[in-house]
Amino acid sequence: MSELVRDDDVAGQVTADLLQRPTVARRVMRDDTARMVVNRAQFDNSEQTREQTREQIREQIREQIRERTPAVRQIEHPIEYPGSSSPRPKSPLPARTSRRTRH
C-alpha cells in the first residue's frame, strides 16, 4: 500500500477519501499519534491562513497608500513655513493676554 501512495498528493487524496467513511474516521481518531498529527496539521493550516490574510491586508494598505500618495504630494500649503520671506496669515484665534499674579 505505501508503495502505491509514495507521492504526497496521491496519499493526501487517498487519505481524504478514506476518512470520509465514518467507521474509518472513528478508528483513525482513536489512534493517539494519528489524532495528534491531524490536530497539528489543523493548527498549521490555520496559522498559515492567518498569515496569508495578514499579508493580503498589508498589501491592500500598501496599494491604498500608493494610490493616495500622489494626491498628498499635490496638496499646497496655505501657510508659509517659518523663516520664509512671505508674511504669515493672521490666526483666527484671539491673541493671548498675560495674566498678572497677585501677591
N, C-alpha and C. Protein backbone atom coordinates (compact mmCIF):
# COMPACT_ATOMS: atom_id res chain seq x y z
N MET A 1 0.83 -1.20 0.00
CA MET A 1 0.00 0.00 0.00
C MET A 1 0.86 1.26 0.00
N SER A 2 1.89 1.30 0.86
CA SER A 2 2.73 2.50 0.94
C SER A 2 3.46 2.76 -0.38
N GLU A 3 3.73 1.71 -1.15
CA GLU A 3 4.37 1.87 -2.46
C GLU A 3 3.44 2.61 -3.43
N LEU A 4 2.14 2.38 -3.31
CA LEU A 4 1.17 3.00 -4.21
C LEU A 4 0.96 4.48 -3.91
N VAL A 5 1.15 4.87 -2.65
CA VAL A 5 0.89 6.27 -2.26
C VAL A 5 2.18 6.99 -1.85
N ARG A 6 3.25 6.71 -2.57
CA ARG A 6 4.54 7.35 -2.28
C ARG A 6 4.46 8.86 -2.57
N ASP A 7 3.71 9.27 -3.54
CA ASP A 7 3.53 10.68 -3.89
C ASP A 7 2.59 11.32 -2.86
N ASP A 8 2.99 12.47 -2.29
CA ASP A 8 2.20 13.13 -1.24
C ASP A 8 0.82 13.56 -1.73
N ASP A 9 0.73 14.01 -2.97
CA ASP A 9 -0.57 14.42 -3.49
C ASP A 9 -1.54 13.25 -3.57
N VAL A 10 -1.04 12.12 -4.06
CA VAL A 10 -1.87 10.92 -4.15
C VAL A 10 -2.25 10.43 -2.75
N ALA A 11 -1.27 10.42 -1.84
CA ALA A 11 -1.53 9.97 -0.47
C ALA A 11 -2.58 10.86 0.20
N GLY A 12 -2.49 12.17 -0.02
CA GLY A 12 -3.47 13.09 0.56
C GLY A 12 -4.87 12.82 0.04
N GLN A 13 -4.99 12.59 -1.25
CA GLN A 13 -6.31 12.33 -1.84
C GLN A 13 -6.88 11.00 -1.33
N VAL A 14 -6.04 9.96 -1.26
CA VAL A 14 -6.50 8.66 -0.77
C VAL A 14 -6.92 8.78 0.69
N THR A 15 -6.14 9.49 1.50
CA THR A 15 -6.47 9.67 2.92
C THR A 15 -7.78 10.41 3.07
N ALA A 16 -7.96 11.49 2.32
CA ALA A 16 -9.21 12.25 2.39
C ALA A 16 -10.40 11.38 2.01
N ASP A 17 -10.23 10.57 0.97
CA ASP A 17 -11.32 9.68 0.54
C ASP A 17 -11.64 8.65 1.63
N LEU A 18 -10.61 8.08 2.23
CA LEU A 18 -10.83 7.06 3.27
C LEU A 18 -11.46 7.65 4.53
N LEU A 19 -11.05 8.87 4.90
CA LEU A 19 -11.58 9.49 6.12
C LEU A 19 -13.04 9.93 5.97
N GLN A 20 -13.55 9.90 4.76
CA GLN A 20 -14.96 10.22 4.58
C GLN A 20 -15.86 9.04 4.95
N ARG A 21 -15.26 7.90 5.21
CA ARG A 21 -16.01 6.75 5.72
C ARG A 21 -16.08 6.89 7.24
N PRO A 22 -17.26 7.02 7.81
CA PRO A 22 -17.39 7.25 9.27
C PRO A 22 -16.67 6.22 10.13
N THR A 23 -16.75 4.94 9.79
CA THR A 23 -16.09 3.92 10.63
C THR A 23 -14.57 4.05 10.55
N VAL A 24 -14.05 4.39 9.37
CA VAL A 24 -12.61 4.57 9.21
C VAL A 24 -12.16 5.80 10.00
N ALA A 25 -12.89 6.90 9.89
CA ALA A 25 -12.54 8.13 10.61
C ALA A 25 -12.53 7.90 12.11
N ARG A 26 -13.55 7.18 12.63
CA ARG A 26 -13.59 6.90 14.08
C ARG A 26 -12.39 6.06 14.51
N ARG A 27 -12.06 5.07 13.72
CA ARG A 27 -10.94 4.19 14.06
C ARG A 27 -9.62 4.98 14.05
N VAL A 28 -9.44 5.84 13.06
CA VAL A 28 -8.21 6.64 12.96
C VAL A 28 -8.11 7.60 14.15
N MET A 29 -9.22 8.22 14.54
CA MET A 29 -9.20 9.19 15.63
C MET A 29 -8.98 8.52 16.99
N ARG A 30 -9.10 7.21 17.09
CA ARG A 30 -8.77 6.51 18.33
C ARG A 30 -7.26 6.34 18.49
N ASP A 31 -6.54 6.45 17.40
CA ASP A 31 -5.08 6.33 17.43
C ASP A 31 -4.51 7.68 17.87
N ASP A 32 -3.84 7.70 19.04
CA ASP A 32 -3.32 8.96 19.60
C ASP A 32 -2.35 9.67 18.65
N THR A 33 -1.47 8.92 18.02
CA THR A 33 -0.49 9.52 17.13
C THR A 33 -1.18 10.14 15.91
N ALA A 34 -2.10 9.41 15.32
CA ALA A 34 -2.82 9.94 14.15
C ALA A 34 -3.61 11.19 14.53
N ARG A 35 -4.27 11.15 15.69
CA ARG A 35 -5.05 12.31 16.13
C ARG A 35 -4.14 13.52 16.37
N MET A 36 -2.97 13.27 16.98
CA MET A 36 -2.03 14.36 17.24
C MET A 36 -1.52 14.96 15.93
N VAL A 37 -1.23 14.14 14.93
CA VAL A 37 -0.74 14.62 13.64
C VAL A 37 -1.83 15.43 12.93
N VAL A 38 -3.08 14.95 13.00
CA VAL A 38 -4.19 15.67 12.37
C VAL A 38 -4.40 17.02 13.06
N ASN A 39 -4.36 17.03 14.40
CA ASN A 39 -4.53 18.29 15.13
C ASN A 39 -3.41 19.27 14.79
N ARG A 40 -2.20 18.77 14.70
CA ARG A 40 -1.06 19.64 14.36
C ARG A 40 -1.24 20.22 12.95
N ALA A 41 -1.69 19.39 12.03
CA ALA A 41 -1.92 19.86 10.66
C ALA A 41 -3.02 20.93 10.63
N GLN A 42 -4.06 20.76 11.43
CA GLN A 42 -5.13 21.76 11.50
C GLN A 42 -4.58 23.08 12.03
N PHE A 43 -3.77 23.00 13.08
CA PHE A 43 -3.17 24.22 13.65
C PHE A 43 -2.28 24.91 12.62
N ASP A 44 -1.43 24.14 11.94
CA ASP A 44 -0.52 24.71 10.94
C ASP A 44 -1.30 25.37 9.80
N ASN A 45 -2.37 24.72 9.36
CA ASN A 45 -3.19 25.29 8.29
C ASN A 45 -3.84 26.59 8.74
N SER A 46 -4.34 26.63 9.98
CA SER A 46 -4.96 27.84 10.50
C SER A 46 -3.95 28.97 10.58
N GLU A 47 -2.76 28.67 11.07
CA GLU A 47 -1.70 29.68 11.19
C GLU A 47 -1.29 30.21 9.81
N GLN A 48 -1.17 29.31 8.85
CA GLN A 48 -0.80 29.72 7.50
C GLN A 48 -1.88 30.61 6.90
N THR A 49 -3.14 30.26 7.13
CA THR A 49 -4.25 31.06 6.61
C THR A 49 -4.24 32.45 7.24
N ARG A 50 -4.02 32.52 8.57
CA ARG A 50 -3.95 33.82 9.24
C ARG A 50 -2.83 34.67 8.68
N GLU A 51 -1.66 34.08 8.46
CA GLU A 51 -0.52 34.83 7.94
C GLU A 51 -0.79 35.31 6.52
N GLN A 52 -1.41 34.47 5.70
CA GLN A 52 -1.74 34.89 4.34
C GLN A 52 -2.73 36.05 4.37
N THR A 53 -3.71 35.98 5.28
CA THR A 53 -4.70 37.05 5.41
C THR A 53 -4.02 38.34 5.84
N ARG A 54 -3.12 38.25 6.82
CA ARG A 54 -2.37 39.44 7.26
C ARG A 54 -1.58 40.05 6.11
N GLU A 55 -0.92 39.21 5.33
CA GLU A 55 -0.11 39.71 4.22
C GLU A 55 -1.00 40.34 3.15
N GLN A 56 -2.16 39.78 2.90
CA GLN A 56 -3.09 40.37 1.93
C GLN A 56 -3.56 41.74 2.41
N ILE A 57 -3.84 41.86 3.70
CA ILE A 57 -4.27 43.15 4.26
C ILE A 57 -3.14 44.16 4.16
N ARG A 58 -1.92 43.74 4.49
CA ARG A 58 -0.76 44.65 4.37
C ARG A 58 -0.60 45.13 2.93
N GLU A 59 -0.75 44.23 1.97
CA GLU A 59 -0.60 44.60 0.57
C GLU A 59 -1.71 45.55 0.13
N GLN A 60 -2.93 45.35 0.61
CA GLN A 60 -4.03 46.26 0.29
C GLN A 60 -3.75 47.65 0.84
N ILE A 61 -3.22 47.72 2.06
CA ILE A 61 -2.88 49.01 2.65
C ILE A 61 -1.77 49.69 1.86
N ARG A 62 -0.74 48.92 1.48
CA ARG A 62 0.35 49.49 0.66
C ARG A 62 -0.20 50.05 -0.65
N GLU A 63 -1.11 49.31 -1.27
CA GLU A 63 -1.69 49.75 -2.55
C GLU A 63 -2.49 51.04 -2.36
N GLN A 64 -3.26 51.12 -1.27
CA GLN A 64 -4.03 52.33 -1.00
C GLN A 64 -3.09 53.52 -0.79
N ILE A 65 -2.00 53.30 -0.09
CA ILE A 65 -1.02 54.38 0.14
C ILE A 65 -0.42 54.82 -1.18
N ARG A 66 -0.06 53.85 -2.03
CA ARG A 66 0.50 54.20 -3.34
C ARG A 66 -0.48 55.03 -4.16
N GLU A 67 -1.77 54.66 -4.08
CA GLU A 67 -2.79 55.39 -4.85
C GLU A 67 -2.99 56.80 -4.31
N ARG A 68 -2.90 56.96 -3.01
CA ARG A 68 -3.19 58.25 -2.39
C ARG A 68 -1.98 59.17 -2.30
N THR A 69 -0.79 58.64 -2.33
CA THR A 69 0.42 59.44 -2.16
C THR A 69 0.55 60.54 -3.20
N PRO A 70 0.30 60.31 -4.48
CA PRO A 70 0.42 61.42 -5.43
C PRO A 70 -0.50 62.58 -5.06
N ALA A 71 -1.68 62.30 -4.59
CA ALA A 71 -2.60 63.37 -4.21
C ALA A 71 -2.06 64.16 -3.02
N VAL A 72 -1.45 63.47 -2.08
CA VAL A 72 -0.89 64.15 -0.91
C VAL A 72 0.25 65.07 -1.35
N ARG A 73 1.05 64.65 -2.29
CA ARG A 73 2.17 65.47 -2.75
C ARG A 73 1.69 66.73 -3.45
N GLN A 74 0.50 66.70 -4.01
CA GLN A 74 -0.01 67.84 -4.75
C GLN A 74 -0.71 68.86 -3.86
N ILE A 75 -0.92 68.55 -2.61
CA ILE A 75 -1.59 69.49 -1.71
C ILE A 75 -0.69 70.71 -1.53
N GLU A 76 -1.24 71.88 -1.69
CA GLU A 76 -0.47 73.10 -1.49
C GLU A 76 -0.68 73.58 -0.07
N HIS A 77 0.37 74.04 0.53
CA HIS A 77 0.30 74.52 1.91
C HIS A 77 -0.10 75.99 1.91
N PRO A 78 -1.24 76.35 2.52
CA PRO A 78 -1.68 77.74 2.53
C PRO A 78 -0.86 78.62 3.47
N ILE A 79 -0.19 78.04 4.42
CA ILE A 79 0.60 78.81 5.38
C ILE A 79 2.07 78.59 5.07
N GLU A 80 2.81 79.66 4.97
CA GLU A 80 4.23 79.56 4.69
C GLU A 80 4.96 79.03 5.93
N TYR A 81 6.07 78.41 5.70
CA TYR A 81 6.87 77.88 6.80
C TYR A 81 7.62 79.02 7.49
N PRO A 82 7.95 78.87 8.78
CA PRO A 82 8.72 79.89 9.49
C PRO A 82 10.04 80.15 8.78
N GLY A 83 10.43 81.42 8.79
CA GLY A 83 11.70 81.78 8.17
C GLY A 83 11.54 82.17 6.71
N SER A 84 10.35 82.02 6.17
CA SER A 84 10.15 82.39 4.77
C SER A 84 9.97 83.90 4.69
N SER A 85 10.16 84.46 3.51
CA SER A 85 10.05 85.90 3.34
C SER A 85 8.60 86.36 3.27
N SER A 86 7.66 85.46 3.03
CA SER A 86 6.25 85.84 2.95
C SER A 86 5.67 85.99 4.34
N PRO A 87 4.80 86.97 4.53
CA PRO A 87 4.18 87.13 5.85
C PRO A 87 3.20 85.99 6.12
N ARG A 88 3.10 85.64 7.38
CA ARG A 88 2.17 84.58 7.78
C ARG A 88 0.79 85.18 7.96
N PRO A 89 -0.25 84.47 7.58
CA PRO A 89 -1.60 84.99 7.77
C PRO A 89 -1.92 85.08 9.25
N LYS A 90 -2.83 86.00 9.58
CA LYS A 90 -3.22 86.16 10.98
C LYS A 90 -4.04 84.96 11.42
N SER A 91 -3.85 84.61 12.68
CA SER A 91 -4.59 83.50 13.27
C SER A 91 -6.02 83.92 13.55
N PRO A 92 -6.99 83.05 13.33
CA PRO A 92 -8.37 83.38 13.64
C PRO A 92 -8.64 83.37 15.14
N LEU A 93 -7.69 82.90 15.93
CA LEU A 93 -7.86 82.85 17.38
C LEU A 93 -7.47 84.19 18.00
N PRO A 94 -8.12 84.59 19.10
CA PRO A 94 -7.75 85.85 19.75
C PRO A 94 -6.34 85.78 20.31
N ALA A 95 -5.67 86.92 20.37
CA ALA A 95 -4.31 86.97 20.91
C ALA A 95 -4.33 86.66 22.39
N ARG A 96 -3.27 86.05 22.88
CA ARG A 96 -3.17 85.72 24.30
C ARG A 96 -2.81 86.96 25.09
N THR A 97 -3.40 87.09 26.24
CA THR A 97 -3.04 88.18 27.13
C THR A 97 -2.34 87.58 28.33
N SER A 98 -1.36 88.33 28.84
CA SER A 98 -0.64 87.81 30.00
C SER A 98 -1.46 88.03 31.26
N ARG A 99 -1.36 87.13 32.17
CA ARG A 99 -2.07 87.26 33.44
C ARG A 99 -1.09 87.70 34.51
N ARG A 100 -1.53 88.64 35.30
CA ARG A 100 -0.71 89.09 36.41
C ARG A 100 -1.09 88.31 37.65
N THR A 101 -0.11 87.92 38.37
CA THR A 101 -0.39 87.21 39.61
C THR A 101 -0.41 88.19 40.75
N ARG A 102 -1.34 88.04 41.65
CA ARG A 102 -1.43 88.92 42.81
C ARG A 102 -0.70 88.28 43.98
N HIS A 103 -0.05 89.10 44.76
CA HIS A 103 0.69 88.60 45.93
C HIS A 103 -0.09 88.84 47.18
